C-alpha atoms as a PDB file:
ATOM      1  CA  MET A   1      -1.073 -34.158 -15.646  1.00  0.00           C
ATOM      2  CA  GLU A   2      -4.403 -34.779 -17.276  1.00  0.00           C
ATOM      3  CA  SER A   3      -6.221 -32.246 -19.450  1.00  0.00           C
ATOM      4  CA  ASP A   4      -9.659 -31.273 -18.164  1.00  0.00           C
ATOM      5  CA  ASN A   5     -10.868 -28.497 -20.436  1.00  0.00           C
ATOM      6  CA  LYS A   6     -14.200 -26.691 -20.641  1.00  0.00           C
ATOM      7  CA  GLU A   7     -15.166 -27.281 -17.039  1.00  0.00           C
ATOM      8  CA  TRP A   8     -15.625 -25.020 -14.059  1.00  0.00           C
ATOM      9  CA  PHE A   9     -14.767 -25.376 -10.394  1.00  0.00           C
ATOM     10  CA  VAL A  10     -17.318 -23.788  -8.044  1.00  0.00           C
ATOM     11  CA  ILE A  11     -16.308 -22.849  -4.509  1.00  0.00           C
ATOM     12  CA  SER A  12     -18.549 -24.281  -1.774  1.00  0.00           C
ATOM     13  CA  SER A  13     -16.471 -23.332   1.295  1.00  0.00           C
ATOM     14  CA  GLY A  14     -16.401 -19.888   2.848  1.00  0.00           C
ATOM     15  CA  VAL A  15     -12.912 -19.153   1.576  1.00  0.00           C
ATOM     16  CA  ALA A  16     -10.530 -21.082  -0.674  1.00  0.00           C
ATOM     17  CA  PRO A  17      -6.826 -20.232  -1.126  1.00  0.00           C
ATOM     18  CA  LEU A  18      -5.150 -20.321  -4.523  1.00  0.00           C
ATOM     19  CA  HIS A  19      -1.583 -21.612  -4.300  1.00  0.00           C
ATOM     20  CA  LYS A  20       1.399 -21.059  -6.570  1.00  0.00           C
ATOM     21  CA  GLU A  21       2.174 -24.784  -6.589  1.00  0.00           C
ATOM     22  CA  ALA A  22       0.109 -27.908  -5.875  1.00  0.00           C
ATOM     23  CA  SER A  23       1.053 -27.925  -2.200  1.00  0.00           C
ATOM     24  CA  PHE A  24      -0.174 -26.327   1.015  1.00  0.00           C
ATOM     25  CA  ASN A  25       3.454 -25.369   1.644  1.00  0.00           C
ATOM     26  CA  SER A  26       3.365 -23.198  -1.471  1.00  0.00           C
ATOM     27  CA  SER A  27       2.629 -19.485  -1.164  1.00  0.00           C
ATOM     28  CA  CYS A  28      -0.969 -18.282  -1.295  1.00  0.00           C
ATOM     29  CA  LEU A  29      -1.520 -16.069  -4.339  1.00  0.00           C
ATOM     30  CA  THR A  30      -5.075 -14.962  -3.635  1.00  0.00           C
ATOM     31  CA  GLU A  31      -8.401 -16.298  -2.406  1.00  0.00           C
ATOM     32  CA  MET A  32     -11.832 -17.187  -3.692  1.00  0.00           C
ATOM     33  CA  VAL A  33     -15.062 -17.069  -1.717  1.00  0.00           C
ATOM     34  CA  TYR A  34     -18.263 -19.053  -1.582  1.00  0.00           C
ATOM     35  CA  GLY A  35     -20.003 -19.137  -4.961  1.00  0.00           C
ATOM     36  CA  ASP A  36     -17.006 -18.128  -7.077  1.00  0.00           C
ATOM     37  CA  SER A  37     -16.521 -20.056 -10.330  1.00  0.00           C
ATOM     38  CA  CYS A  38     -13.087 -20.557 -11.855  1.00  0.00           C
ATOM     39  CA  LYS A  39     -12.071 -22.197 -15.114  1.00  0.00           C
ATOM     40  CA  ILE A  40     -10.361 -25.578 -14.814  1.00  0.00           C
ATOM     41  CA  LEU A  41      -7.196 -25.761 -16.888  1.00  0.00           C
ATOM     42  CA  ASN A  42      -5.641 -29.006 -15.616  1.00  0.00           C
ATOM     43  CA  ASN A  43      -5.715 -31.600 -12.833  1.00  0.00           C
ATOM     44  CA  ASN A  44      -2.972 -33.181 -10.775  1.00  0.00           C
ATOM     45  CA  ASP A  45      -4.402 -35.838  -8.437  1.00  0.00           C
ATOM     46  CA  SER A  46      -6.404 -33.940  -5.797  1.00  0.00           C
ATOM     47  CA  TRP A  47      -5.162 -30.526  -6.932  1.00  0.00           C
ATOM     48  CA  ILE A  48      -6.775 -28.489  -9.710  1.00  0.00           C
ATOM     49  CA  PHE A  49      -5.069 -25.818 -11.788  1.00  0.00           C
ATOM     50  CA  VAL A  50      -7.561 -22.990 -12.402  1.00  0.00           C
ATOM     51  CA  GLU A  51      -7.902 -19.510 -13.848  1.00  0.00           C
ATOM     52  CA  LEU A  52      -9.910 -16.855 -12.014  1.00  0.00           C
ATOM     53  CA  ASN A  53     -12.017 -14.114 -13.573  1.00  0.00           C
ATOM     54  CA  ASP A  54      -9.224 -11.602 -12.944  1.00  0.00           C
ATOM     55  CA  GLY A  55      -6.714 -13.737 -14.864  1.00  0.00           C
ATOM     56  CA  TYR A  56      -4.927 -15.170 -11.834  1.00  0.00           C
ATOM     57  CA  GLN A  57      -3.870 -18.788 -12.275  1.00  0.00           C
ATOM     58  CA  GLY A  58      -2.891 -21.277  -9.588  1.00  0.00           C
ATOM     59  CA  TRP A  59      -3.623 -24.485  -7.749  1.00  0.00           C
ATOM     60  CA  ILE A  60      -6.581 -25.230  -5.503  1.00  0.00           C
ATOM     61  CA  LYS A  61      -7.343 -28.347  -3.471  1.00  0.00           C
ATOM     62  CA  ASN A  62     -10.380 -30.194  -4.778  1.00  0.00           C
ATOM     63  CA  PHE A  63     -12.236 -30.316  -1.437  1.00  0.00           C
ATOM     64  CA  TYR A  64     -12.922 -26.565  -1.556  1.00  0.00           C
ATOM     65  CA  GLY A  65     -15.683 -27.045  -4.119  1.00  0.00           C
ATOM     66  CA  SER A  66     -17.000 -29.152  -6.954  1.00  0.00           C
ATOM     67  CA  LYS A  67     -16.750 -29.351 -10.723  1.00  0.00           C
ATOM     68  CA  SER A  68     -19.505 -27.988 -12.930  1.00  0.00           C
ATOM     69  CA  GLU A  69     -20.218 -28.010 -16.637  1.00  0.00           C
ATOM     70  CA  SER A  70     -21.012 -24.306 -16.548  1.00  0.00           C
ATOM     71  CA  LYS A  71     -20.198 -21.152 -14.650  1.00  0.00           C
ATOM     72  CA  LYS A  72     -22.733 -20.674 -11.861  1.00  0.00           C
ATOM     73  CA  LYS A  73     -25.088 -17.702 -11.983  1.00  0.00           C
ATOM     74  CA  HIS A  74     -26.027 -15.925  -8.793  1.00  0.00           C
ATOM     75  CA  SER A  75     -28.669 -13.424  -7.743  1.00  0.00           C
ATOM     76  CA  HIS A  76     -27.216 -12.020  -4.500  1.00  0.00           C
ATOM     77  CA  ILE A  77     -23.884 -11.096  -2.919  1.00  0.00           C
ATOM     78  CA  ILE A  78     -23.006 -10.613   0.756  1.00  0.00           C
ATOM     79  CA  ALA A  79     -22.337  -6.927   1.435  1.00  0.00           C
ATOM     80  CA  PHE A  80     -23.306  -6.450   5.089  1.00  0.00           C
ATOM     81  CA  PRO A  81     -23.150  -8.387   8.377  1.00  0.00           C
ATOM     82  CA  ASN A  82     -26.133 -10.445   9.474  1.00  0.00           C
ATOM     83  CA  LYS A  83     -28.648  -9.216  12.052  1.00  0.00           C
ATOM     84  CA  ASN A  84     -26.231 -10.191  14.842  1.00  0.00           C
ATOM     85  CA  GLY A  85     -23.537  -7.952  13.390  1.00  0.00           C
ATOM     86  CA  PHE A  86     -21.306 -10.724  12.047  1.00  0.00           C
ATOM     87  CA  PHE A  87     -20.356 -12.200   8.709  1.00  0.00           C
ATOM     88  CA  HIS A  88     -21.139 -15.927   8.608  1.00  0.00           C
ATOM     89  CA  PRO A  89     -17.902 -17.972   8.181  1.00  0.00           C
ATOM     90  CA  LYS A  90     -19.419 -19.866   5.247  1.00  0.00           C
ATOM     91  CA  TYR A  91     -20.849 -16.715   3.675  1.00  0.00           C
ATOM     92  CA  PRO A  92     -18.196 -14.035   4.200  1.00  0.00           C
ATOM     93  CA  PHE A  93     -18.144 -10.623   2.593  1.00  0.00           C
ATOM     94  CA  GLY A  94     -18.348 -11.065  -1.187  1.00  0.00           C
ATOM     95  CA  ALA A  95     -19.916 -14.534  -1.143  1.00  0.00           C
ATOM     96  CA  LYS A  96     -22.137 -15.152  -4.193  1.00  0.00           C
ATOM     97  CA  LEU A  97     -25.539 -16.699  -3.556  1.00  0.00           C
ATOM     98  CA  ARG A  98     -28.427 -18.141  -5.551  1.00  0.00           C
ATOM     99  CA  LYS A  99     -30.980 -16.779  -3.107  1.00  0.00           C
ATOM    100  CA  LYS A 100     -31.258 -13.934  -0.624  1.00  0.00           C
ATOM    101  CA  ARG A 101     -29.613 -14.284   2.782  1.00  0.00           C
ATOM    102  CA  PRO A 102     -29.174 -11.873   5.702  1.00  0.00           C
ATOM    103  CA  GLY A 103     -26.645  -9.236   4.689  1.00  0.00           C
ATOM    104  CA  SER A 104     -26.967  -9.845   0.941  1.00  0.00           C
ATOM    105  CA  ILE A 105     -27.925  -7.421  -1.829  1.00  0.00           C
ATOM    106  CA  ASP A 106     -29.176  -8.052  -5.352  1.00  0.00           C
ATOM    107  CA  ILE A 107     -26.073  -8.718  -7.447  1.00  0.00           C
ATOM    108  CA  ASN A 108     -27.643  -7.126 -10.528  1.00  0.00           C
ATOM    109  CA  ASN A 109     -28.438  -3.769  -8.926  1.00  0.00           C
ATOM    110  CA  ARG A 110     -25.720  -1.167  -9.409  1.00  0.00           C
ATOM    111  CA  ILE A 111     -25.311   0.789  -6.180  1.00  0.00           C
ATOM    112  CA  SER A 112     -23.751   4.219  -5.813  1.00  0.00           C
ATOM    113  CA  ILE A 113     -20.042   4.450  -5.013  1.00  0.00           C
ATOM    114  CA  SER A 114     -20.880   7.488  -2.878  1.00  0.00           C
ATOM    115  CA  ASN A 115     -22.166   5.094  -0.179  1.00  0.00           C
ATOM    116  CA  ILE A 116     -18.914   3.130  -0.051  1.00  0.00           C
ATOM    117  CA  THR A 117     -18.128   4.120   3.532  1.00  0.00           C
ATOM    118  CA  LYS A 118     -21.375   2.438   4.582  1.00  0.00           C
ATOM    119  CA  ILE A 119     -19.868  -0.794   3.230  1.00  0.00           C
ATOM    120  CA  LEU A 120     -16.352  -0.195   4.538  1.00  0.00           C
ATOM    121  CA  LYS A 121     -17.320   0.646   8.116  1.00  0.00           C
ATOM    122  CA  ASN A 122     -18.410  -2.971   8.595  1.00  0.00           C
ATOM    123  CA  LEU A 123     -14.950  -4.152   7.546  1.00  0.00           C
ATOM    124  CA  LEU A 124     -12.966  -2.028   9.990  1.00  0.00           C
ATOM    125  CA  GLY A 125     -10.804  -4.171  12.243  1.00  0.00           C
ATOM    126  CA  VAL A 126     -10.567  -7.136   9.860  1.00  0.00           C
ATOM    127  CA  PRO A 127      -6.956  -8.374  10.130  1.00  0.00           C
ATOM    128  CA  TYR A 128      -4.403  -8.088   7.348  1.00  0.00           C
ATOM    129  CA  LYS A 129      -3.755 -11.335   5.500  1.00  0.00           C
ATOM    130  CA  TRP A 130      -1.407 -11.753   2.560  1.00  0.00           C
ATOM    131  CA  GLY A 131      -3.529 -12.829  -0.406  1.00  0.00           C
ATOM    132  CA  GLY A 132      -6.689 -12.315   1.649  1.00  0.00           C
ATOM    133  CA  LYS A 133     -10.004 -11.267   0.092  1.00  0.00           C
ATOM    134  CA  THR A 134     -12.596 -11.918   2.804  1.00  0.00           C
ATOM    135  CA  THR A 135     -13.673 -10.821   6.266  1.00  0.00           C
ATOM    136  CA  LEU A 136     -11.310 -13.503   7.578  1.00  0.00           C
ATOM    137  CA  GLY A 137      -8.479 -11.268   6.335  1.00  0.00           C
ATOM    138  CA  PHE A 138      -7.692  -8.766   3.562  1.00  0.00           C
ATOM    139  CA  ASP A 139      -4.535  -7.518   1.949  1.00  0.00           C
ATOM    140  CA  CYS A 140      -4.673  -3.961   0.593  1.00  0.00           C
ATOM    141  CA  SER A 141      -5.567  -4.731  -3.021  1.00  0.00           C
ATOM    142  CA  GLY A 142      -7.766  -7.669  -2.041  1.00  0.00           C
ATOM    143  CA  LEU A 143      -9.907  -5.282   0.014  1.00  0.00           C
ATOM    144  CA  VAL A 144     -10.199  -2.915  -2.949  1.00  0.00           C
ATOM    145  CA  GLN A 145     -11.036  -5.625  -5.479  1.00  0.00           C
ATOM    146  CA  SER A 146     -13.585  -7.282  -3.176  1.00  0.00           C
ATOM    147  CA  VAL A 147     -15.356  -4.047  -2.256  1.00  0.00           C
ATOM    148  CA  PHE A 148     -15.617  -2.738  -5.801  1.00  0.00           C
ATOM    149  CA  GLN A 149     -17.214  -5.928  -7.110  1.00  0.00           C
ATOM    150  CA  LEU A 150     -20.320  -4.768  -5.227  1.00  0.00           C
ATOM    151  CA  TYR A 151     -20.373  -1.780  -7.560  1.00  0.00           C
ATOM    152  CA  LYS A 152     -19.974  -3.966 -10.638  1.00  0.00           C
ATOM    153  CA  VAL A 153     -16.445  -2.642 -11.158  1.00  0.00           C
ATOM    154  CA  ASP A 154     -14.053  -5.472 -12.042  1.00  0.00           C
ATOM    155  CA  LEU A 155     -10.612  -4.347 -10.923  1.00  0.00           C
ATOM    156  CA  PRO A 156      -7.380  -6.321 -11.341  1.00  0.00           C
ATOM    157  CA  ARG A 157      -6.073  -8.201  -8.301  1.00  0.00           C
ATOM    158  CA  ASP A 158      -2.832  -6.340  -7.481  1.00  0.00           C
ATOM    159  CA  SER A 159      -2.299  -2.680  -6.631  1.00  0.00           C
ATOM    160  CA  ILE A 160       0.173  -2.090  -9.484  1.00  0.00           C
ATOM    161  CA  ASP A 161      -2.318  -3.523 -11.980  1.00  0.00           C
ATOM    162  CA  GLN A 162      -5.178  -1.536 -10.464  1.00  0.00           C
ATOM    163  CA  TRP A 163      -3.104   1.615 -10.956  1.00  0.00           C
ATOM    164  CA  LEU A 164      -2.361   0.692 -14.578  1.00  0.00           C
ATOM    165  CA  PHE A 165      -6.037  -0.151 -15.168  1.00  0.00           C
ATOM    166  CA  LEU A 166      -6.994   3.349 -13.980  1.00  0.00           C
ATOM    167  CA  ALA A 167      -4.132   5.146 -15.720  1.00  0.00           C
ATOM    168  CA  ASN A 168      -6.525   7.494 -17.542  1.00  0.00           C
ATOM    169  CA  CYS A 169      -8.657   8.193 -14.477  1.00  0.00           C
ATOM    170  CA  LYS A 170      -6.300  10.348 -12.424  1.00  0.00           C
ATOM    171  CA  THR A 171      -7.732  13.040 -10.151  1.00  0.00           C
ATOM    172  CA  ASN A 172      -6.419  15.559  -7.632  1.00  0.00           C
ATOM    173  CA  LEU A 173      -5.670  14.364  -4.105  1.00  0.00           C
ATOM    174  CA  ASN A 174      -7.146  17.454  -2.463  1.00  0.00           C
ATOM    175  CA  SER A 175     -10.493  16.981  -4.235  1.00  0.00           C
ATOM    176  CA  ALA A 176     -10.741  13.214  -3.661  1.00  0.00           C
ATOM    177  CA  LYS A 177     -14.279  11.857  -3.354  1.00  0.00           C
ATOM    178  CA  LYS A 178     -15.561   8.815  -1.498  1.00  0.00           C
ATOM    179  CA  GLY A 179     -14.538   5.748  -3.489  1.00  0.00           C
ATOM    180  CA  ASP A 180     -11.514   7.256  -5.219  1.00  0.00           C
ATOM    181  CA  LEU A 181      -8.357   5.165  -4.941  1.00  0.00           C
ATOM    182  CA  HIS A 182      -5.068   6.432  -3.499  1.00  0.00           C
ATOM    183  CA  PHE A 183      -1.906   4.705  -4.699  1.00  0.00           C
ATOM    184  CA  PHE A 184       1.435   4.609  -2.888  1.00  0.00           C
ATOM    185  CA  GLY A 185       4.924   3.423  -3.700  1.00  0.00           C
ATOM    186  CA  LYS A 186       8.607   4.254  -3.949  1.00  0.00           C
ATOM    187  CA  ASN A 187      10.525   5.160  -7.104  1.00  0.00           C
ATOM    188  CA  GLY A 188       7.349   5.016  -9.172  1.00  0.00           C
ATOM    189  CA  LYS A 189       6.633   1.403  -8.211  1.00  0.00           C
ATOM    190  CA  ILE A 190       3.126   1.008  -6.753  1.00  0.00           C
ATOM    191  CA  SER A 191       3.037  -1.153  -3.623  1.00  0.00           C
ATOM    192  CA  HIS A 192      -0.095  -0.081  -1.728  1.00  0.00           C
ATOM    193  CA  VAL A 193      -3.647   1.123  -2.373  1.00  0.00           C
ATOM    194  CA  ALA A 194      -6.338   2.700  -0.201  1.00  0.00           C
ATOM    195  CA  ILE A 195      -9.967   3.766  -0.656  1.00  0.00           C
ATOM    196  CA  SER A 196     -10.812   7.421  -0.097  1.00  0.00           C
ATOM    197  CA  SER A 197     -13.522   8.110   2.445  1.00  0.00           C
ATOM    198  CA  GLY A 198     -13.641  11.724   1.321  1.00  0.00           C
ATOM    199  CA  GLY A 199     -11.020  14.468   1.333  1.00  0.00           C
ATOM    200  CA  LEU A 200      -7.673  13.306   2.686  1.00  0.00           C
ATOM    201  CA  ASP A 201      -9.187  10.498   4.769  1.00  0.00           C
ATOM    202  CA  PHE A 202      -9.069   6.903   3.578  1.00  0.00           C
ATOM    203  CA  ILE A 203      -9.667   3.286   4.593  1.00  0.00           C
ATOM    204  CA  HIS A 204      -7.104   0.587   3.847  1.00  0.00           C
ATOM    205  CA  SER A 205      -5.669  -2.701   5.030  1.00  0.00           C
ATOM    206  CA  GLN A 206      -2.281  -2.300   6.685  1.00  0.00           C
ATOM    207  CA  GLY A 207      -1.974  -4.479   9.768  1.00  0.00           C
ATOM    208  CA  TYR A 208      -5.767  -4.461   9.780  1.00  0.00           C
ATOM    209  CA  VAL A 209      -8.536  -2.562   7.985  1.00  0.00           C
ATOM    210  CA  LYS A 210      -8.528   0.935   9.442  1.00  0.00           C
ATOM    211  CA  LYS A 211      -9.342   4.558   8.758  1.00  0.00           C
ATOM    212  CA  GLU A 212      -6.394   6.948   8.445  1.00  0.00           C
ATOM    213  CA  SER A 213      -5.583  10.256   6.814  1.00  0.00           C
ATOM    214  CA  LEU A 214      -3.036  12.162   4.765  1.00  0.00           C
ATOM    215  CA  ASP A 215      -4.057  15.332   6.605  1.00  0.00           C
ATOM    216  CA  LYS A 216      -1.264  16.338   8.982  1.00  0.00           C
ATOM    217  CA  LYS A 217      -3.839  17.834  11.354  1.00  0.00           C
ATOM    218  CA  SER A 218      -5.800  14.596  11.654  1.00  0.00           C
ATOM    219  CA  PRO A 219      -5.344  12.349  14.725  1.00  0.00           C
ATOM    220  CA  ASN A 220      -5.232   9.448  12.228  1.00  0.00           C
ATOM    221  CA  PHE A 221      -2.457  11.011  10.132  1.00  0.00           C
ATOM    222  CA  ASN A 222      -0.122   8.478   8.481  1.00  0.00           C
ATOM    223  CA  GLN A 223       3.197  10.160   7.717  1.00  0.00           C
ATOM    224  CA  SER A 224       4.803   7.054   6.214  1.00  0.00           C
ATOM    225  CA  LEU A 225       2.104   6.811   3.551  1.00  0.00           C
ATOM    226  CA  LEU A 226       2.180  10.523   2.801  1.00  0.00           C
ATOM    227  CA  ASP A 227       5.910  10.148   2.181  1.00  0.00           C
ATOM    228  CA  ILE A 228       5.273   7.583  -0.562  1.00  0.00           C
ATOM    229  CA  TYR A 229       1.993   8.958  -1.939  1.00  0.00           C
ATOM    230  CA  HIS A 230       1.911   8.514  -5.712  1.00  0.00           C
ATOM    231  CA  SER A 231      -1.481   9.397  -7.213  1.00  0.00           C
ATOM    232  CA  THR A 232      -5.266   9.251  -6.946  1.00  0.00           C
ATOM    233  CA  ALA A 233      -7.738   7.758  -9.438  1.00  0.00           C
ATOM    234  CA  ASP A 234     -11.489   8.185  -9.850  1.00  0.00           C
ATOM    235  CA  VAL A 235     -13.024   4.788 -10.652  1.00  0.00           C
ATOM    236  CA  ARG A 236     -16.151   6.551 -11.946  1.00  0.00           C
ATOM    237  CA  LEU A 237     -14.149   7.764 -14.951  1.00  0.00           C
ATOM    238  CA  LYS A 238     -13.450   4.214 -16.156  1.00  0.00           C
END
């Protein structure tokens, strides 16, 4: 294995999986999207060992991007579908761009978390995918991390770490606001996260991205999640 320090790998495909080992047969840990830059730690033939901004480390195949001497700067990020109502496969939700494209917003403008359902409604129906972070598939914490980057909130990758990150931001379930995070798990171990859409309603990725509720009177009531509800956190308090 050859050392290849102080270089960056910039993603040029729509989505790029990060693997635990240097093999496509290895499990997918997470994903990167178009425009992401990750720090190169080592090389092994056509595989590159990298570290992501959230601290995740793993292997990526070299054809998903190209090496760069510096981390790329971007001006826009994809937040909405294009005029035809779709996310372009090469520029999925969360793709970072150097110029404006249909569906993109200025990456430097902080937008209000109160409009988060306007973002999330365009993601409803996206299938669940382990390790997924794009409109080709989300897991629960990947959806949360990807959505909140639009609000310039850098959350950890996994639900347990997101809960720990927001340990001092707890709020009451019954007064949950749009954009608060609901955490779920058994025996105190967090295993799932959802985004509040106001009150007891929420949007999450479980099977697919969908809107459900902890309100027993709601037609979208999810009893199994209510049974393992743990806590709610207000990201605004961070």
